[in-house]
Structures are given as C-alpha cells and as structure tokens.
Protein backbone atom coordinates (compact mmCIF):
# COMPACT_ATOMS: atom_id res chain seq x y z
CA MET A 1 45.35 -30.56 -38.57
CA LEU A 2 45.46 -31.56 -42.26
CA ARG A 3 43.75 -34.87 -41.39
CA SER A 4 40.50 -32.95 -40.84
CA ASN A 5 40.48 -31.64 -44.40
CA ARG A 6 37.67 -32.70 -46.71
CA ILE A 7 38.59 -34.89 -49.71
CA LEU A 8 36.43 -35.66 -52.74
CA VAL A 9 37.25 -38.80 -54.77
CA VAL A 10 35.80 -39.23 -58.28
CA ASP A 11 36.44 -42.42 -60.30
CA ASP A 12 34.04 -44.49 -62.40
CA ASN A 13 35.78 -47.66 -61.19
CA PRO A 14 34.40 -48.67 -57.75
CA ASP A 15 37.54 -50.67 -56.96
CA ASN A 16 39.70 -47.58 -57.42
CA VAL A 17 37.36 -45.58 -55.22
CA GLN A 18 37.47 -48.22 -52.50
CA LEU A 19 41.27 -48.40 -52.68
CA LEU A 20 41.68 -44.65 -52.39
CA GLU A 21 39.24 -44.45 -49.47
CA MET A 22 41.16 -47.17 -47.67
CA ILE A 23 44.55 -45.53 -48.24
CA LEU A 24 43.33 -42.14 -47.06
CA GLU A 25 41.42 -43.43 -44.05
CA ASP A 26 44.37 -45.58 -42.96
CA VAL A 27 46.50 -42.46 -42.49
CA GLY A 28 43.79 -40.59 -40.62
CA TYR A 29 41.71 -38.70 -43.21
CA SER A 30 38.15 -38.96 -41.91
CA GLU A 31 36.32 -36.54 -44.21
CA VAL A 32 36.43 -38.50 -47.49
CA THR A 33 33.47 -38.30 -49.88
CA SER A 34 33.46 -40.39 -53.06
CA THR A 35 31.39 -41.06 -56.17
CA THR A 36 31.62 -43.10 -59.35
CA ASP A 37 29.38 -40.60 -61.19
CA PRO A 38 31.23 -37.55 -62.57
CA PHE A 39 27.94 -35.62 -62.88
CA GLU A 40 27.20 -36.20 -59.19
CA ALA A 41 30.71 -34.92 -58.42
CA ILE A 42 29.65 -31.40 -59.41
CA GLU A 43 26.87 -31.35 -56.81
CA LEU A 44 29.12 -32.96 -54.17
CA PHE A 45 31.71 -30.29 -54.84
CA LYS A 46 29.11 -27.63 -54.04
CA THR A 47 27.72 -29.30 -50.92
CA THR A 48 30.90 -30.66 -49.30
CA ALA A 49 33.29 -27.82 -50.23
CA PRO A 50 36.31 -30.15 -50.45
CA ASP A 51 39.87 -29.01 -49.76
CA ILE A 52 41.21 -31.35 -52.48
CA VAL A 53 39.77 -33.46 -55.31
CA LEU A 54 41.19 -36.78 -56.60
CA MET A 55 39.72 -37.39 -60.05
CA ASP A 56 39.96 -40.08 -62.71
CA LEU A 57 40.84 -38.72 -66.13
CA HIS A 58 39.00 -41.10 -68.45
CA MET A 59 35.35 -41.48 -67.41
CA PRO A 60 32.24 -42.06 -69.57
CA GLY A 61 29.79 -39.21 -70.09
CA LEU A 62 31.94 -36.51 -68.51
CA ASN A 63 35.69 -37.05 -68.64
CA GLY A 64 38.22 -35.59 -66.24
CA PHE A 65 39.19 -32.77 -68.61
CA ALA A 66 35.61 -31.46 -68.77
CA LEU A 67 34.91 -32.10 -65.09
CA THR A 68 38.04 -30.20 -64.05
CA GLY A 69 36.83 -27.22 -66.04
CA GLU A 70 33.36 -27.46 -64.47
CA LEU A 71 34.79 -27.53 -60.95
CA ARG A 72 37.12 -24.63 -61.64
CA ASN A 73 34.10 -22.56 -62.64
CA GLN A 74 32.32 -23.18 -59.34
CA VAL A 75 32.47 -20.56 -56.59
CA GLY A 76 35.75 -21.09 -54.76
CA GLY A 77 36.79 -23.78 -57.24
CA GLY A 78 39.81 -21.88 -58.43
CA ALA A 79 41.76 -22.47 -55.23
CA VAL A 80 40.99 -26.18 -54.69
CA PRO A 81 43.80 -28.57 -55.74
CA ILE A 82 42.63 -31.14 -58.32
CA VAL A 83 44.75 -34.27 -58.67
CA VAL A 84 44.20 -36.26 -61.86
CA LEU A 85 44.26 -40.07 -61.55
CA THR A 86 45.33 -41.70 -64.79
CA GLY A 87 47.14 -44.56 -66.42
CA ASP A 88 47.59 -42.36 -69.49
CA GLU A 89 51.09 -40.96 -69.25
CA SER A 90 51.09 -39.34 -72.68
CA ARG A 91 52.42 -35.79 -72.88
CA GLY A 92 49.29 -34.61 -74.71
CA SER A 93 46.94 -35.80 -71.96
CA ARG A 94 49.03 -34.19 -69.24
CA GLU A 95 49.19 -30.86 -71.07
CA ARG A 96 45.45 -30.96 -71.75
CA ALA A 97 44.71 -31.69 -68.09
CA LEU A 98 46.95 -28.86 -66.94
CA ARG A 99 45.25 -26.46 -69.33
CA ALA A 100 41.89 -27.54 -67.90
CA GLY A 101 43.12 -26.68 -64.39
CA ALA A 102 44.66 -29.85 -62.92
CA SER A 103 47.14 -29.27 -60.10
CA ASP A 104 49.00 -32.62 -60.15
CA PHE A 105 48.93 -36.22 -61.42
CA LEU A 106 48.82 -39.65 -59.81
CA THR A 107 49.65 -42.60 -62.01
CA LYS A 108 47.72 -45.86 -61.90
CA PRO A 109 48.32 -48.36 -60.44
CA PHE A 110 48.42 -46.34 -57.22
CA ASP A 111 51.39 -46.17 -54.91
CA LYS A 112 50.20 -45.68 -51.32
CA VAL A 113 53.21 -43.63 -50.21
CA GLU A 114 53.01 -41.40 -53.26
CA ILE A 115 49.29 -40.77 -52.76
CA VAL A 116 49.73 -39.86 -49.09
CA LEU A 117 52.67 -37.53 -49.79
CA ARG A 118 51.01 -35.81 -52.76
CA VAL A 119 47.77 -35.25 -50.85
CA ARG A 120 49.59 -34.00 -47.76
CA ASN A 121 51.79 -31.60 -49.75
CA LEU A 122 48.90 -30.18 -51.75
CA LEU A 123 46.79 -29.74 -48.64
CA GLU A 124 49.65 -27.92 -46.96
CA LEU A 125 49.96 -25.64 -49.99
CA ARG A 126 46.20 -25.09 -49.85
CA ARG A 127 46.44 -24.22 -46.15
CA LEU A 128 49.28 -21.78 -46.74
CA HIS A 129 47.38 -20.25 -49.65
CA SER A 130 44.33 -19.78 -47.41
CA VAL A 131 46.45 -18.22 -44.67
CA LEU A 132 47.98 -15.86 -47.23
CA GLU A 133 44.54 -14.94 -48.58
CA MET A 134 43.26 -14.22 -45.08
CA ARG A 135 46.31 -12.11 -44.35
CA ASN A 136 45.89 -10.21 -47.60
CA ARG A 137 42.20 -9.57 -46.84
CA SER A 138 43.15 -8.38 -43.39
CA LEU A 139 45.83 -6.10 -44.81
CA ASP A 140 43.42 -4.77 -47.44
CA ALA A 141 40.86 -4.01 -44.75
CA GLU A 142 43.51 -2.32 -42.63
CA VAL A 143 44.71 -0.25 -45.58
CA LYS A 144 41.13 0.83 -46.30
CA VAL A 145 40.65 1.85 -42.68
CA ARG A 146 43.95 3.76 -42.62
CA THR A 147 43.17 5.41 -45.95
CA SER A 148 39.73 6.41 -44.70
CA GLU A 149 41.22 7.80 -41.49
CA LEU A 150 43.85 9.72 -43.46
CA GLU A 151 41.23 11.14 -45.81
CA GLU A 152 39.08 12.16 -42.86
CA ALA A 153 42.09 13.83 -41.24
CA ARG A 154 42.80 15.72 -44.46
CA ARG A 155 39.20 16.86 -44.71
CA GLU A 156 39.18 18.00 -41.10
CA THR A 157 42.49 19.83 -41.55
CA LEU A 158 41.13 21.73 -44.54
CA GLU A 159 37.94 22.58 -42.67
CA ARG A 160 39.87 23.85 -39.67
CA LEU A 161 42.18 25.84 -41.93
CA ALA A 162 39.15 27.49 -43.49
CA ILE A 163 37.71 28.25 -40.04
CA ALA A 164 41.07 29.71 -38.97
CA ALA A 165 40.98 32.04 -41.98
CA GLU A 166 37.54 33.29 -40.96
CA PHE A 167 38.09 33.26 -37.20
CA ARG A 168 38.60 36.96 -36.67
CA ASP A 169 35.41 38.04 -38.44
CA ASP A 170 33.33 34.85 -38.32
CA GLN A 171 34.19 32.69 -35.33
CA THR A 172 31.61 30.06 -36.32
CA GLY A 173 33.30 29.32 -39.65
CA GLU A 174 29.85 29.04 -41.21
CA HIS A 175 30.61 31.47 -44.02
CA ALA A 176 33.39 29.21 -45.28
CA ARG A 177 31.20 26.11 -45.08
CA ARG A 178 28.30 27.79 -46.84
CA VAL A 179 30.49 29.04 -49.67
CA GLY A 180 31.73 25.49 -50.12
CA ARG A 181 28.19 24.12 -50.16
CA PHE A 182 26.87 26.84 -52.48
CA SER A 183 29.81 26.40 -54.87
CA SER A 184 29.14 22.67 -54.99
CA SER A 185 25.48 23.27 -55.85
CA ILE A 186 26.40 25.67 -58.65
CA ALA A 187 29.03 23.27 -60.01
CA LYS A 188 26.44 20.49 -60.05
CA ALA A 189 23.97 22.72 -61.92
CA LEU A 190 26.74 23.43 -64.45
CA GLY A 191 26.98 19.69 -65.10
CA LEU A 192 30.53 19.23 -63.88
CA ALA A 193 31.83 15.74 -63.10
CA ALA A 194 31.20 14.42 -59.59
CA GLU A 195 34.91 14.30 -58.77
CA ARG A 196 35.36 17.95 -59.76
CA ILE A 197 32.28 18.98 -57.77
CA GLU A 198 33.78 17.36 -54.67
CA VAL A 199 37.08 19.19 -55.22
CA ILE A 200 35.27 22.53 -55.51
CA GLU A 201 33.23 21.87 -52.37
CA ARG A 202 36.39 21.13 -50.37
CA ALA A 203 38.50 23.90 -51.88
CA ALA A 204 36.00 26.78 -51.91
CA PRO A 205 35.95 27.26 -48.10
CA LEU A 206 39.62 28.32 -48.35
CA HIS A 207 38.82 31.23 -50.66
CA ASP A 208 39.55 33.88 -47.99
CA LEU A 209 42.56 32.18 -46.38
CA GLY A 210 44.62 35.27 -47.17
CA LYS A 211 42.63 37.31 -44.64
CA ILE A 212 45.06 36.03 -42.02
CA GLY A 213 47.43 38.64 -43.41
CA ILE A 214 45.03 41.60 -43.24
CA PRO A 215 45.23 43.89 -40.16
CA ASP A 216 42.21 43.91 -37.83
CA HIS A 217 41.63 47.63 -38.15
CA ILE A 218 40.91 47.08 -41.84
CA LEU A 219 39.30 43.65 -41.76
CA LEU A 220 36.91 44.57 -38.94
CA LYS A 221 36.33 48.21 -39.80
CA PRO A 222 32.62 49.03 -39.22
CA GLY A 223 32.24 51.17 -42.32
CA PRO A 224 33.47 51.74 -45.87
CA LEU A 225 37.20 51.31 -46.48
CA THR A 226 39.35 54.13 -47.75
CA GLU A 227 41.09 53.67 -51.07
CA GLU A 228 44.36 52.85 -49.30
CA GLU A 229 42.63 50.40 -46.95
CA PHE A 230 40.89 48.73 -49.86
CA GLU A 231 44.23 48.19 -51.59
CA VAL A 232 45.43 46.42 -48.45
CA MET A 233 42.24 44.34 -48.31
CA LYS A 234 42.74 43.27 -51.93
CA ARG A 235 46.00 41.64 -50.95
CA HIS A 236 44.14 38.77 -49.26
CA THR A 237 43.77 37.11 -52.66
CA THR A 238 47.51 37.07 -53.36
CA ILE A 239 48.35 36.18 -49.75
CA GLY A 240 45.96 33.22 -49.86
CA ALA A 241 47.28 32.02 -53.22
CA ARG A 242 50.87 32.29 -51.94
CA VAL A 243 50.08 30.25 -48.82
CA LEU A 244 48.40 27.53 -50.91
CA ALA A 245 50.92 27.50 -53.78
CA GLY A 246 53.09 24.52 -54.66
CA SER A 247 50.90 21.73 -53.29
CA ARG A 248 50.54 18.35 -55.04
CA SER A 249 46.98 18.04 -53.67
CA ARG A 250 44.21 18.60 -56.22
CA VAL A 251 42.11 20.28 -53.56
CA LEU A 252 44.83 22.71 -52.50
CA ARG A 253 45.75 23.49 -56.10
CA ALA A 254 42.08 24.30 -56.72
CA ALA A 255 42.00 26.37 -53.53
CA GLU A 256 45.03 28.34 -54.75
CA THR A 257 43.20 29.18 -57.97
CA ILE A 258 40.04 30.14 -56.08
CA ALA A 259 41.91 32.31 -53.57
CA ALA A 260 43.63 34.19 -56.38
CA THR A 261 40.63 34.72 -58.68
CA HIS A 262 37.36 34.78 -56.73
CA HIS A 263 37.31 38.60 -56.81
CA GLU A 264 37.79 38.86 -60.58
CA ARG A 265 34.92 40.31 -62.60
CA TRP A 266 33.51 39.19 -65.93
CA ASN A 267 34.07 42.68 -67.41
CA GLY A 268 37.70 42.85 -66.25
CA SER A 269 37.21 45.34 -63.39
CA GLY A 270 38.25 42.90 -60.65
CA TYR A 271 41.34 42.84 -58.46
CA ILE A 272 43.91 41.80 -61.08
CA GLY A 273 41.96 42.56 -64.26
CA LEU A 274 41.16 39.12 -65.66
CA SER A 275 37.97 39.04 -67.73
CA GLY A 276 35.52 36.61 -69.31
CA GLY A 277 36.78 33.11 -69.95
CA ASP A 278 40.29 34.08 -68.84
CA ILE A 279 39.00 33.86 -65.28
CA PRO A 280 39.24 30.21 -64.16
CA LEU A 281 35.84 28.58 -63.81
CA LEU A 282 36.62 27.83 -60.15
CA GLY A 283 36.99 31.54 -59.46
CA ARG A 284 33.82 32.41 -61.37
CA VAL A 285 31.76 29.86 -59.44
CA VAL A 286 33.05 30.89 -56.02
CA ALA A 287 32.60 34.57 -56.87
CA VAL A 288 28.83 34.04 -57.14
CA ALA A 289 28.64 31.78 -54.07
CA ASP A 290 30.71 34.19 -51.99
CA ALA A 291 28.70 37.22 -53.09
CA PHE A 292 25.38 35.52 -52.28
CA ASP A 293 26.52 34.61 -48.79
CA ALA A 294 28.07 38.04 -48.21
CA ILE A 295 24.82 39.78 -49.13
CA THR A 296 22.62 37.51 -47.00
CA THR A 297 24.72 37.63 -43.80
CA ASP A 298 25.52 40.47 -41.39
CA ARG A 299 28.73 42.39 -41.97
CA PRO A 300 30.46 44.99 -39.75
CA TYR A 301 29.43 47.73 -42.15
CA ARG A 302 25.83 46.67 -43.02
CA ASP A 303 22.94 44.37 -42.15
CA ARG A 304 22.14 41.29 -44.16
CA ARG A 305 19.53 41.34 -46.91
CA SER A 306 17.00 38.72 -47.98
CA ASN A 307 17.70 35.86 -50.36
CA GLU A 308 15.41 37.41 -52.94
CA GLU A 309 17.25 40.74 -52.81
CA ALA A 310 20.59 38.94 -53.10
CA MET A 311 19.43 36.96 -56.12
CA GLU A 312 18.10 40.08 -57.81
CA GLU A 313 21.40 41.88 -57.27
CA ILE A 314 23.43 38.94 -58.61
CA CYS A 315 21.19 38.65 -61.69
CA ARG A 316 21.58 42.40 -62.36
CA SER A 317 25.35 41.92 -62.21
CA ALA A 318 25.44 39.03 -64.72
CA GLY A 319 27.63 39.95 -67.67
CA ALA A 320 29.36 42.71 -65.70
CA HIS A 321 30.49 41.34 -62.34
CA PHE A 322 29.57 37.68 -62.83
CA ASP A 323 29.75 35.03 -65.56
CA PRO A 324 26.22 34.89 -67.05
CA GLY A 325 26.41 31.09 -67.37
CA VAL A 326 27.35 30.69 -63.72
CA VAL A 327 24.53 33.04 -62.68
CA GLU A 328 22.09 30.96 -64.71
CA ALA A 329 23.29 27.81 -62.93
CA PHE A 330 23.04 29.67 -59.63
CA MET A 331 19.39 30.47 -60.32
CA GLU A 332 18.66 26.83 -61.22
CA CYS A 333 19.87 25.64 -57.82
CA ARG A 334 18.66 28.59 -55.75
CA THR A 335 16.49 26.36 -53.54
CA ALA A 336 19.71 24.88 -52.15
CA LEU A 337 21.09 28.33 -51.40
CA SER A 338 19.41 29.18 -48.13
CA PRO A 339 21.89 30.31 -45.48
CA GLU A 340 20.65 30.36 -41.92
CA PRO A 341 21.07 33.56 -39.91
CA SER A 342 24.65 33.70 -38.65
CA GLU A 343 26.97 35.83 -36.60
CA VAL A 344 28.88 38.71 -38.12
CA SER A 345 30.81 37.55 -41.20
CA ARG A 346 33.01 39.53 -43.56
C-alpha cells in the first residue's frame, strides 16, 4: 500500500535526482515527482500533495532550510515528512534543519538500503498519523452529536417538567412557554448577555413548578381565594424552590431562584417580603412576564383582557408591584409580547 504514496524529490544536482528516482522506482514507488529547481518545488508541493519530500540542503537561490519552512507553511504541510539530503554532517546544520521543520536526514553519498528503509518508515508513520487524525475527527464528530443529543434531551426534559407543572390548569403548557419567551425578550431589552438570556428563557417556564403541591380545590377554584386558601397557594413558590434546590445545572439553579421570588413585589408586599434590588433580577423579570400572560389569558375566576389593558395595568404597578427598570424594558419589547388565545391557564 505504501508503494502508491506520492514522493517529491528536490535536488539541484540532476545526477542525485536521477539516482533517487532509480532507487525508489526499483522498489516499487511509482508516484515520484522530481525537480532541480527549489522554487518549482513549492508549486509541485501544492499540485501533487506528496506524502513525503526528499530535499537537498544546500541549493542556490533557495536553500533547504528556507524551502522546508516554506513547505511547512503550506496547507497540510505540517504533517508531511521532510527528509533532508546532505553531505554536511555538522551539528549546527542538523539543528538548524530540525528547527526549520525537517523530519529526518539522509547523508550523501546515498545508501540504497538506508534510503528505502527511511522512506518506508516515515511513510508508515505518516499513514498511522493520518489514521489517528481520521479517528480523532470521527470521535470529535461523534462527541458533538452525543453532546447535541444530550443537550436536546435536557431541553426537552425541562420543557416537559414545565408542562407537568401546568398540566392541571393549563394542559397545553403554553403559559409556561410564553413566560419563557416573554422573559427572554425582557432580558434582551435589559441588555443582558446572550448566555444569560438563554438561561432565563429555559428556566422561566419552571416558575410555577410548585403548583404540583397545591390541592385542586384551591388551584382550580372558580373564584377568589379565601385568606386561608391564599396562604396555601403561596406555598407553590417554596415548594418549587425546594424541588429545584441543590442542582449543579445553571438553568435549574436559575429556575430555583425564579420559583422562589417571582411573586415578590418591588415595595416589599410580596410573598416573603423582599423589596427593591434585594429581589433577584431573575424574579423581577419573570414577575412582569408572568403577570402579562396571566392578565391576557383566561383564568378560572375571570376572562382574559387585551394586551393594551395588561400593559396599562403593569405600567401603573411600576415602582409598587414591579421593578420600574424591568417595566421599561418590557415596554420596549412589547411587540414581541403577543400571546395567542389559549385554554384556561392559572
């Protein structure tokens, strides 16, 4: 198989070129290209894509040191073995050639057996290197596919978890998706980094995960809740945060924060009494997104209202219920906040 490899011979002495061609062809190498012009060697290297180069060291115009460097700079040149042909056995020349990128040396006058063995061994190393590169590329591609599949599975799991949280009062899961999308739009308007925006979009749909712990007679009650029932309903924030606590995932850690704080109010009158900047930004963003969707979708205890009415109500509540800065961002991206009519959602 190695006999089919392409060999490039460069030597300003035609006799040396002829001798090398004869030696190589005698043992079966049929793809041998040669030149006595080192400048032409650069173009031949590009057009023939050799698997190995045999090069004289001392040539007029462009010596082997410079030519080696030129070939190494060509596309794919870094992996091609370059064997220097020289009668100069000085330590300085060898070190200089190695620094330029030479792979091995052949001493003049040539020894046929040595040439054949050196060429064969270097071509075998080249073949093994190519096999290893192909295997590494294949493994890299496989890892990328597996990573993509794993990431997709994680995304789907989070989406289904969010749908499960909403299932009893919104079997479509659209409320969760919309809150994620609205929160992402607000975060973008706030100028947050792209990575953080993505985390918010994936975490926000889990804001009401704690509803799985709220009894149906309260969650689905078609009317105002009593004070005692409302206290039970408020527990969904702590239940959700408890379910999501302790994860190493950035998304789930963000979801824990959102679950715990999306019902806090800027003036401190929320579920646990946090106020102003003490409320995590994640909670402040989702509070606005959740409120907008709640107002513009049907609930067991009231009909939905228009986008305009919802925006007016949210603006009136800026500085009391909502962070004024988040409301301002919300108004900047309001064209993206257009929920479609949906089934009953609480």
